[in-house]
């Protein structure tokens, strides 16, 4: 659901912005550790610790993600045509 004052944005490549880049702690279950390689032996699922979620930033700017999986800062985004039309003054009559 969008707030009344929101608008849609595209990446500089023209792809829709679908979310923000996030860091979140998760614990993957293991059954042991390979003594030769030191690699975990994964078993079962992964528990996601949602209360650790943090929005990632680059140089203090929130990272947005486009539909192609690329990350962009807000100053790189392009407003959609609908938003630009809303900002344009009505033609003089």
C-alpha atoms as a PDB file:
ATOM      1  CA  UNK A   1       0.000   0.000   0.000  1.00  0.00           C
ATOM      2  CA  UNK A   2       1.326   3.432  -0.921  1.00  0.00           C
ATOM      3  CA  UNK A   3       1.166   6.597   1.113  1.00  0.00           C
ATOM      4  CA  UNK A   4      -0.778   9.453  -0.483  1.00  0.00           C
ATOM      5  CA  UNK A   5       2.386  11.434  -1.163  1.00  0.00           C
ATOM      6  CA  UNK A   6       4.358   8.567  -2.728  1.00  0.00           C
ATOM      7  CA  UNK A   7       5.160   8.018  -6.379  1.00  0.00           C
ATOM      8  CA  UNK A   8       6.771   5.330  -8.481  1.00  0.00           C
ATOM      9  CA  UNK A   9      10.383   5.427  -9.567  1.00  0.00           C
ATOM     10  CA  UNK A  10      12.482   3.637 -12.161  1.00  0.00           C
ATOM     11  CA  UNK A  11      16.161   2.786 -12.215  1.00  0.00           C
ATOM     12  CA  UNK A  12      18.346   4.753 -14.634  1.00  0.00           C
ATOM     13  CA  UNK A  13      18.003   1.682 -16.895  1.00  0.00           C
ATOM     14  CA  UNK A  14      14.187   2.000 -16.872  1.00  0.00           C
ATOM     15  CA  UNK A  15      13.406  -0.924 -14.538  1.00  0.00           C
ATOM     16  CA  UNK A  16      10.799  -0.566 -11.743  1.00  0.00           C
ATOM     17  CA  UNK A  17      12.058  -0.134  -8.184  1.00  0.00           C
ATOM     18  CA  UNK A  18      10.757  -3.107  -6.188  1.00  0.00           C
ATOM     19  CA  UNK A  19      12.309  -2.679  -2.734  1.00  0.00           C
ATOM     20  CA  UNK A  20      15.294  -1.783  -0.596  1.00  0.00           C
ATOM     21  CA  UNK A  21      18.510  -3.682  -0.060  1.00  0.00           C
ATOM     22  CA  UNK A  22      18.522  -5.256   3.407  1.00  0.00           C
ATOM     23  CA  UNK A  23      20.933  -7.040   5.725  1.00  0.00           C
ATOM     24  CA  UNK A  24      19.433  -9.653   8.013  1.00  0.00           C
ATOM     25  CA  UNK A  25      20.954 -12.258  10.320  1.00  0.00           C
ATOM     26  CA  UNK A  26      20.069 -15.869   9.596  1.00  0.00           C
ATOM     27  CA  UNK A  27      21.256 -19.150  11.109  1.00  0.00           C
ATOM     28  CA  UNK A  28      21.681 -22.127   8.763  1.00  0.00           C
ATOM     29  CA  UNK A  29      21.329 -25.493  10.518  1.00  0.00           C
ATOM     30  CA  UNK A  30      24.313 -27.819  10.261  1.00  0.00           C
ATOM     31  CA  UNK A  31      24.855 -31.428  11.244  1.00  0.00           C
ATOM     32  CA  UNK A  32      28.593 -30.988  11.713  1.00  0.00           C
ATOM     33  CA  UNK A  33      31.785 -29.611  10.238  1.00  0.00           C
ATOM     34  CA  UNK A  34      34.021 -31.418   7.757  1.00  0.00           C
ATOM     35  CA  UNK A  35      37.304 -31.906   9.663  1.00  0.00           C
ATOM     36  CA  UNK A  36      39.380 -31.809   6.469  1.00  0.00           C
ATOM     37  CA  UNK A  37      37.963 -28.703   4.805  1.00  0.00           C
ATOM     38  CA  UNK A  38      36.447 -26.886   7.782  1.00  0.00           C
ATOM     39  CA  UNK A  39      33.242 -26.450   5.764  1.00  0.00           C
ATOM     40  CA  UNK A  40      29.850 -26.841   7.447  1.00  0.00           C
ATOM     41  CA  UNK A  41      27.655 -29.825   6.635  1.00  0.00           C
ATOM     42  CA  UNK A  42      24.289 -28.174   6.102  1.00  0.00           C
ATOM     43  CA  UNK A  43      21.186 -29.920   7.370  1.00  0.00           C
ATOM     44  CA  UNK A  44      17.616 -28.671   7.474  1.00  0.00           C
ATOM     45  CA  UNK A  45      16.600 -25.079   6.967  1.00  0.00           C
ATOM     46  CA  UNK A  46      17.646 -21.594   7.876  1.00  0.00           C
ATOM     47  CA  UNK A  47      16.178 -19.567  10.729  1.00  0.00           C
ATOM     48  CA  UNK A  48      15.773 -15.906   9.784  1.00  0.00           C
ATOM     49  CA  UNK A  49      16.096 -13.415  12.654  1.00  0.00           C
ATOM     50  CA  UNK A  50      13.734 -10.730  11.349  1.00  0.00           C
ATOM     51  CA  UNK A  51      14.341  -8.378  14.270  1.00  0.00           C
ATOM     52  CA  UNK A  52      17.909  -7.851  12.991  1.00  0.00           C
ATOM     53  CA  UNK A  53      16.820  -6.414   9.621  1.00  0.00           C
ATOM     54  CA  UNK A  54      18.660  -3.244   8.553  1.00  0.00           C
ATOM     55  CA  UNK A  55      18.288  -1.214   5.358  1.00  0.00           C
ATOM     56  CA  UNK A  56      21.631  -0.950   3.588  1.00  0.00           C
ATOM     57  CA  UNK A  57      23.142   2.373   2.581  1.00  0.00           C
ATOM     58  CA  UNK A  58      25.957   3.585   0.346  1.00  0.00           C
ATOM     59  CA  UNK A  59      27.639   6.814   1.448  1.00  0.00           C
ATOM     60  CA  UNK A  60      24.699   7.474   3.789  1.00  0.00           C
ATOM     61  CA  UNK A  61      22.068   6.970   1.054  1.00  0.00           C
ATOM     62  CA  UNK A  62      19.460   4.170   1.139  1.00  0.00           C
ATOM     63  CA  UNK A  63      19.982   1.467  -1.491  1.00  0.00           C
ATOM     64  CA  UNK A  64      16.915   0.728  -3.610  1.00  0.00           C
ATOM     65  CA  UNK A  65      16.645  -2.448  -5.718  1.00  0.00           C
ATOM     66  CA  UNK A  66      15.197  -2.623  -9.225  1.00  0.00           C
ATOM     67  CA  UNK A  67      13.423  -5.583 -10.819  1.00  0.00           C
ATOM     68  CA  UNK A  68      16.748  -6.720 -12.318  1.00  0.00           C
ATOM     69  CA  UNK A  69      18.361  -6.917  -8.868  1.00  0.00           C
ATOM     70  CA  UNK A  70      20.622  -3.877  -9.264  1.00  0.00           C
ATOM     71  CA  UNK A  71      21.074  -1.380  -6.421  1.00  0.00           C
ATOM     72  CA  UNK A  72      20.593   2.367  -6.782  1.00  0.00           C
ATOM     73  CA  UNK A  73      20.614   5.378  -4.475  1.00  0.00           C
ATOM     74  CA  UNK A  74      17.627   7.739  -4.459  1.00  0.00           C
ATOM     75  CA  UNK A  75      19.486  10.461  -6.373  1.00  0.00           C
ATOM     76  CA  UNK A  76      19.960   7.969  -9.250  1.00  0.00           C
ATOM     77  CA  UNK A  77      16.242   7.115  -9.557  1.00  0.00           C
ATOM     78  CA  UNK A  78      13.928   8.513 -12.224  1.00  0.00           C
ATOM     79  CA  UNK A  79      10.297   9.416 -11.393  1.00  0.00           C
ATOM     80  CA  UNK A  80       7.705   7.694 -13.574  1.00  0.00           C
ATOM     81  CA  UNK A  81       5.808   9.621 -16.245  1.00  0.00           C
ATOM     82  CA  UNK A  82       2.665   9.674 -14.063  1.00  0.00           C
ATOM     83  CA  UNK A  83       4.513  11.553 -11.336  1.00  0.00           C
ATOM     84  CA  UNK A  84       6.064  13.984 -13.801  1.00  0.00           C
ATOM     85  CA  UNK A  85       2.602  14.658 -15.284  1.00  0.00           C
ATOM     86  CA  UNK A  86       1.234  15.420 -11.807  1.00  0.00           C
ATOM     87  CA  UNK A  87       3.972  18.038 -11.327  1.00  0.00           C
ATOM     88  CA  UNK A  88       3.411  19.723 -14.705  1.00  0.00           C
ATOM     89  CA  UNK A  89       1.189  22.785 -14.606  1.00  0.00           C
ATOM     90  CA  UNK A  90      -2.077  22.631 -16.533  1.00  0.00           C
ATOM     91  CA  UNK A  91      -1.947  24.270 -19.972  1.00  0.00           C
ATOM     92  CA  UNK A  92      -3.136  27.879 -20.125  1.00  0.00           C
ATOM     93  CA  UNK A  93      -6.668  28.262 -21.512  1.00  0.00           C
END
